[in-house]
Amino acid sequence: MTKRKTMPHTLVLEHVSPATRLLEKRRQMFEVQEALEQQKQEFFKKEEVFKRREEGLKKKDLDLQESLIRFSKFLQENDSKRTRAEKKAADEIKLRHQKEAEIVQLNATHADLKQEKRTTSEVVEKNMSYQKYLETVLDVADEYHEINDLLNRYTTLEATNTEMRDLMKSGEKSQETTRAELQVYVKIKTDEILNLNNTISRLKKDLESRETQATIYLQEKDHALTTASQRTLEHGQVCMAADNLFHRCITRSKVNHLPHTNPADQLSVIGDWVSDLAAIVRQWGKTGKQQYTLKDGKTVKIQQ
């Protein structure tokens, strides 16, 4: 289907009335809207064809996906069987290696126990002389009746002696530590006193400086408030004057101006009105009867 291309007719609109320009614009808009509607119809027809093709492709894609799913399930089942077989074989190999390692470890432990038995036997034979000596001591000492009583007494005395030595060493160490801590504490407190005195002096100077700065800030604040009040008053006076002049201009002017509320827009209207008035006065003095064209395109007749 061929597209009908319509080219809007270009008219020379510089010397025609606004109504003619408006009709020409509406005609051009109607032609553009008609071309757009034709393109929409063609687009809808193509869209229907594409939808039918898309539905066919979706159906083929679903069939292909179902085939892929069935094939994937088959592969997964085979992989699962192979994985279970491999895992079982690996577990059996691991168990065999573990048992072999346990056998090696038990053999090593058995050898160590044999060696320990020989060493213990040698120690027992060596300590038999001490056994005989303790039996001789029991025959002499009447307060001990068994070897264990004698050994317990020796262990108690040795523990007491060790405890007393440790206590003496601990007391000496604690005394030295306390003496050193006292010296450090005295030095620290002396330094703290000096630092605090210096800090007090510095803070006094800082306080005096801040009080002076606060006084200056208060003076600056009062001056700023006074200046702001004065500027606010001046701004209000200017806005009131501009508003009064603007209303006087729009009441005396034959031009329809918008009801501006922004002082800048009002001053712009006032400037235009004053410029027009000055131009009118100049032409009045030159010709006595003229037509003067204002900035907005309207013409004012001036008669002497």
Protein backbone atom coordinates (compact mmCIF):
# COMPACT_ATOMS: atom_id res chain seq x y z
CA MET A 1 0.00 0.00 0.00
CA THR A 2 1.43 3.36 -1.02
CA LYS A 3 1.32 6.19 1.40
CA ARG A 4 -0.27 9.39 0.23
CA LYS A 5 2.12 12.15 1.02
CA THR A 6 0.44 15.50 1.47
CA MET A 7 2.52 18.63 1.54
CA PRO A 8 0.82 21.57 3.32
CA HIS A 9 0.50 24.57 1.06
CA THR A 10 2.68 27.37 2.24
CA LEU A 11 0.98 30.72 2.09
CA VAL A 12 2.47 34.10 2.47
CA LEU A 13 0.93 35.05 5.82
CA GLU A 14 2.76 38.26 6.43
CA HIS A 15 0.12 40.55 4.86
CA VAL A 16 -3.09 38.65 5.77
CA SER A 17 -5.43 39.05 8.71
CA PRO A 18 -5.17 36.94 11.87
CA ALA A 19 -8.42 35.11 10.98
CA THR A 20 -6.92 34.01 7.66
CA ARG A 21 -3.74 32.84 9.39
CA LEU A 22 -5.84 30.87 11.89
CA LEU A 23 -7.86 29.18 9.09
CA GLU A 24 -4.65 28.29 7.26
CA LYS A 25 -3.17 26.78 10.42
CA ARG A 26 -6.35 24.74 11.03
CA ARG A 27 -6.31 23.48 7.41
CA GLN A 28 -2.69 22.39 7.79
CA MET A 29 -3.50 20.71 11.13
CA PHE A 30 -6.45 18.85 9.51
CA GLU A 31 -4.22 17.56 6.69
CA VAL A 32 -1.56 16.39 9.18
CA GLN A 33 -4.26 14.70 11.31
CA GLU A 34 -5.68 12.89 8.22
CA ALA A 35 -2.19 11.60 7.27
CA LEU A 36 -1.66 10.46 10.87
CA GLU A 37 -4.96 8.51 10.87
CA GLN A 38 -3.94 6.68 7.66
CA GLN A 39 -0.59 5.74 9.22
CA LYS A 40 -2.42 4.46 12.34
CA GLN A 41 -4.67 2.18 10.22
CA GLU A 42 -1.65 0.75 8.39
CA PHE A 43 0.11 0.25 11.74
CA PHE A 44 -2.90 -1.63 13.20
CA LYS A 45 -3.02 -3.97 10.15
CA LYS A 46 0.71 -4.76 10.45
CA GLU A 47 0.28 -5.25 14.19
CA GLU A 48 -2.40 -7.93 13.59
CA VAL A 49 -0.10 -9.78 11.14
CA PHE A 50 2.78 -9.62 13.65
CA LYS A 51 0.51 -10.91 16.45
CA ARG A 52 -0.50 -13.96 14.36
CA ARG A 53 3.14 -14.67 13.59
CA GLU A 54 4.05 -14.22 17.23
CA GLU A 55 1.36 -16.73 18.33
CA GLY A 56 2.69 -19.31 15.85
CA LEU A 57 6.24 -18.79 17.08
CA LYS A 58 5.10 -19.10 20.70
CA LYS A 59 3.39 -22.43 19.93
CA LYS A 60 6.51 -23.77 18.22
CA ASP A 61 8.65 -22.52 21.11
CA LEU A 62 6.41 -24.32 23.66
CA ASP A 63 6.67 -27.59 21.69
CA LEU A 64 10.44 -27.23 21.55
CA GLN A 65 10.61 -26.48 25.29
CA GLU A 66 8.57 -29.60 26.11
CA SER A 67 10.92 -31.73 23.99
CA LEU A 68 13.91 -30.17 25.73
CA ILE A 69 12.36 -30.81 29.15
CA ARG A 70 11.78 -34.51 28.37
CA PHE A 71 15.32 -34.87 27.06
CA SER A 72 16.69 -33.00 30.08
CA LYS A 73 14.82 -35.35 32.47
CA PHE A 74 16.30 -38.35 30.64
CA LEU A 75 19.81 -36.91 30.94
CA GLN A 76 19.26 -36.06 34.61
CA GLU A 77 18.15 -39.62 35.41
CA ASN A 78 21.23 -41.04 33.68
CA ASP A 79 23.48 -38.55 35.45
CA SER A 80 21.84 -39.40 38.77
CA LYS A 81 22.43 -43.14 38.27
CA ARG A 82 26.02 -42.54 37.22
CA THR A 83 26.59 -40.21 40.16
CA ARG A 84 25.21 -42.74 42.64
CA ALA A 85 27.43 -45.49 41.22
CA GLU A 86 30.51 -43.25 41.30
CA LYS A 87 29.70 -42.15 44.83
CA LYS A 88 29.30 -45.75 46.00
CA ALA A 89 32.62 -46.73 44.44
CA ALA A 90 34.32 -43.69 45.97
CA ASP A 91 32.85 -44.50 49.40
CA GLU A 92 34.12 -48.09 49.20
CA ILE A 93 37.59 -46.91 48.17
CA LYS A 94 37.56 -44.34 50.97
CA LEU A 95 36.47 -46.99 53.50
CA ARG A 96 39.26 -49.33 52.34
CA HIS A 97 41.87 -46.59 52.69
CA GLN A 98 40.48 -45.71 56.12
CA LYS A 99 40.73 -49.31 57.31
CA GLU A 100 44.27 -49.59 55.94
CA ALA A 101 45.20 -46.37 57.80
CA GLU A 102 43.65 -47.75 60.99
CA ILE A 103 45.69 -50.95 60.64
CA VAL A 104 48.89 -48.94 60.21
CA GLN A 105 47.98 -46.75 63.21
CA LEU A 106 47.18 -49.77 65.41
CA ASN A 107 50.49 -51.42 64.49
CA ALA A 108 52.33 -48.22 65.40
CA THR A 109 50.39 -48.00 68.69
CA HIS A 110 51.22 -51.64 69.48
CA ALA A 111 54.93 -50.96 68.87
CA ASP A 112 54.78 -47.85 71.10
CA LEU A 113 53.10 -49.83 73.89
CA LYS A 114 55.80 -52.51 73.72
CA GLN A 115 58.49 -49.84 73.97
CA GLU A 116 56.64 -48.17 76.86
CA LYS A 117 56.40 -51.55 78.65
CA ARG A 118 60.15 -52.08 78.36
CA THR A 119 60.87 -48.53 79.60
CA THR A 120 58.46 -48.92 82.53
CA SER A 121 60.07 -52.22 83.52
CA GLU A 122 63.49 -50.59 83.56
CA VAL A 123 62.19 -47.73 85.72
CA VAL A 124 60.61 -50.20 88.19
CA GLU A 125 63.83 -52.12 88.54
CA LYS A 126 65.75 -48.88 89.05
CA ASN A 127 63.31 -47.63 91.76
CA MET A 128 63.47 -50.87 93.80
CA SER A 129 66.49 -49.47 95.62
CA TYR A 130 64.36 -46.56 96.85
CA GLN A 131 61.73 -49.02 98.00
CA LYS A 132 64.25 -50.86 100.11
CA TYR A 133 65.54 -47.54 101.55
CA LEU A 134 62.04 -46.47 102.59
CA GLU A 135 61.41 -49.81 104.25
CA THR A 136 64.60 -49.29 106.26
CA VAL A 137 63.36 -45.82 107.35
CA LEU A 138 60.07 -47.32 108.53
CA ASP A 139 61.96 -49.74 110.76
CA VAL A 140 63.71 -46.78 112.44
CA ALA A 141 60.80 -44.22 112.61
CA ASP A 142 57.98 -45.35 114.90
CA GLU A 143 55.50 -42.56 113.88
CA TYR A 144 55.20 -43.85 110.31
CA HIS A 145 53.76 -47.29 109.74
CA GLU A 146 53.61 -47.39 105.94
CA ILE A 147 55.62 -46.05 103.04
CA ASN A 148 52.65 -44.01 101.76
CA ASP A 149 52.49 -42.13 105.10
CA LEU A 150 56.13 -41.20 104.73
CA LEU A 151 55.68 -40.10 101.11
CA ASN A 152 52.58 -38.06 101.98
CA ARG A 153 54.48 -36.31 104.75
CA TYR A 154 57.32 -35.48 102.37
CA THR A 155 54.88 -34.19 99.75
CA THR A 156 53.14 -31.98 102.34
CA LEU A 157 56.37 -30.46 103.60
CA GLU A 158 57.65 -29.86 100.06
CA ALA A 159 54.38 -28.19 99.04
CA THR A 160 54.44 -26.00 102.17
CA ASN A 161 58.03 -24.97 101.48
CA THR A 162 57.23 -24.14 97.85
CA GLU A 163 54.16 -22.16 98.88
CA MET A 164 56.12 -20.11 101.44
CA ARG A 165 58.83 -19.33 98.86
CA ASP A 166 56.23 -18.30 96.31
CA LEU A 167 54.47 -16.16 98.90
CA MET A 168 57.75 -14.42 99.83
CA LYS A 169 58.57 -13.77 96.16
CA SER A 170 55.06 -12.51 95.53
CA GLY A 171 55.26 -10.13 98.51
CA GLU A 172 58.61 -8.71 97.35
CA LYS A 173 57.30 -8.31 93.80
CA SER A 174 54.09 -6.68 95.06
CA GLN A 175 56.11 -4.29 97.22
CA GLU A 176 58.29 -3.26 94.29
CA THR A 177 55.25 -2.88 92.05
CA THR A 178 53.45 -0.74 94.63
CA ARG A 179 56.51 1.48 95.07
CA ALA A 180 56.84 1.95 91.32
CA GLU A 181 53.11 2.63 90.96
CA LEU A 182 53.31 5.23 93.74
CA GLN A 183 56.16 7.04 91.97
CA VAL A 184 54.29 6.94 88.68
CA TYR A 185 51.06 8.13 90.34
CA VAL A 186 52.82 11.07 92.05
CA LYS A 187 54.45 12.05 88.75
CA ILE A 188 51.17 11.76 86.83
CA LYS A 189 49.22 13.81 89.34
CA THR A 190 51.95 16.49 89.38
CA ASP A 191 51.80 16.68 85.59
CA GLU A 192 48.00 16.79 85.71
CA ILE A 193 48.07 19.71 88.17
CA LEU A 194 50.46 21.63 85.90
CA ASN A 195 48.37 20.84 82.83
CA LEU A 196 45.16 21.85 84.58
CA ASN A 197 46.70 25.17 85.66
CA ASN A 198 47.80 25.81 82.09
CA THR A 199 44.36 24.81 80.82
CA ILE A 200 42.64 27.15 83.29
CA SER A 201 44.83 30.02 82.16
CA ARG A 202 44.22 29.26 78.49
CA LEU A 203 40.47 28.92 79.06
CA LYS A 204 40.37 32.28 80.84
CA LYS A 205 42.03 33.93 77.85
CA ASP A 206 39.72 32.06 75.49
CA LEU A 207 36.68 33.17 77.53
CA GLU A 208 37.75 36.80 77.38
CA SER A 209 38.32 36.52 73.61
CA ARG A 210 34.95 34.85 73.06
CA GLU A 211 33.16 37.49 75.17
CA THR A 212 34.76 40.20 73.03
CA GLN A 213 33.79 38.31 69.85
CA ALA A 214 30.24 37.84 71.14
CA THR A 215 29.93 41.59 71.71
CA ILE A 216 31.12 42.23 68.15
CA TYR A 217 28.66 39.65 66.79
CA LEU A 218 25.80 41.27 68.69
CA GLN A 219 26.70 44.65 67.24
CA GLU A 220 26.92 43.19 63.73
CA LYS A 221 23.58 41.42 64.26
CA ASP A 222 21.88 44.67 65.33
CA HIS A 223 23.36 46.48 62.32
CA ALA A 224 22.24 43.66 59.97
CA LEU A 225 18.71 43.74 61.42
CA THR A 226 18.56 47.51 60.99
CA THR A 227 19.83 47.27 57.40
CA ALA A 228 17.39 44.47 56.58
CA SER A 229 14.47 46.45 58.02
CA GLN A 230 15.48 49.51 56.01
CA ARG A 231 15.81 47.45 52.80
CA THR A 232 12.47 45.76 53.44
CA LEU A 233 10.86 49.18 53.89
CA GLU A 234 12.47 50.50 50.71
CA HIS A 235 11.43 47.37 48.78
CA GLY A 236 7.84 47.76 49.98
CA GLN A 237 7.80 51.44 48.99
CA VAL A 238 9.20 50.63 45.54
CA CYS A 239 6.62 47.85 45.04
CA MET A 240 3.77 50.17 46.11
CA ALA A 241 5.00 52.95 43.81
CA ALA A 242 5.36 50.51 40.88
CA ASP A 243 1.88 49.11 41.53
CA ASN A 244 0.33 52.61 41.67
CA LEU A 245 2.07 53.68 38.45
CA PHE A 246 1.09 50.42 36.76
CA HIS A 247 -2.61 50.88 37.61
CA ARG A 248 -2.48 54.50 36.42
CA CYS A 249 -0.90 53.38 33.14
CA ILE A 250 -3.40 50.59 32.43
CA THR A 251 -6.36 52.86 33.29
CA ARG A 252 -5.17 55.62 30.93
CA SER A 253 -3.77 53.41 28.19
CA LYS A 254 -6.01 51.98 25.48
CA VAL A 255 -3.81 48.88 25.21
CA ASN A 256 -5.11 45.78 27.02
CA HIS A 257 -2.35 44.80 29.44
CA LEU A 258 -2.24 41.71 31.62
CA PRO A 259 -2.85 42.31 35.35
CA HIS A 260 0.78 41.80 36.34
CA THR A 261 1.64 41.47 40.03
CA ASN A 262 5.42 41.11 39.63
CA PRO A 263 7.11 44.53 40.13
CA ALA A 264 9.57 43.79 37.29
CA ASP A 265 6.72 43.13 34.82
CA GLN A 266 4.87 46.23 36.05
CA LEU A 267 7.98 48.39 35.56
CA SER A 268 8.38 46.97 32.05
CA VAL A 269 4.79 48.02 31.19
CA ILE A 270 5.39 51.46 32.75
CA GLY A 271 8.58 51.89 30.68
CA ASP A 272 6.77 50.96 27.47
CA TRP A 273 3.94 53.39 28.29
CA VAL A 274 6.36 56.24 29.05
CA SER A 275 8.32 55.51 25.83
CA ASP A 276 5.09 55.55 23.81
CA LEU A 277 3.99 58.77 25.48
CA ALA A 278 7.35 60.46 24.73
CA ALA A 279 7.18 59.36 21.09
CA ILE A 280 3.63 60.69 20.82
CA VAL A 281 4.74 64.04 22.23
CA ARG A 282 7.63 64.24 19.72
CA GLN A 283 5.39 63.47 16.76
CA TRP A 284 2.79 65.91 18.05
CA GLY A 285 5.34 68.69 17.99
CA LYS A 286 6.56 67.79 14.49
CA THR A 287 3.42 67.14 12.44
CA GLY A 288 0.45 68.14 14.54
CA LYS A 289 -1.60 65.24 13.18
CA GLN A 290 -0.08 61.81 12.82
CA GLN A 291 -0.74 58.16 13.40
CA TYR A 292 1.62 56.57 15.90
CA THR A 293 2.15 52.80 16.02
CA LEU A 294 2.69 51.41 19.53
CA LYS A 295 5.09 48.55 20.44
CA ASP A 296 2.26 46.02 20.54
CA GLY A 297 1.24 46.71 16.91
CA LYS A 298 -1.80 48.94 17.52
CA THR A 299 -2.17 52.38 15.92
CA VAL A 300 -3.22 55.55 17.80
CA LYS A 301 -4.46 58.61 15.93
CA ILE A 302 -3.25 61.91 17.29
CA GLN A 303 -5.16 65.08 16.36
CA GLN A 304 -4.06 68.58 17.23
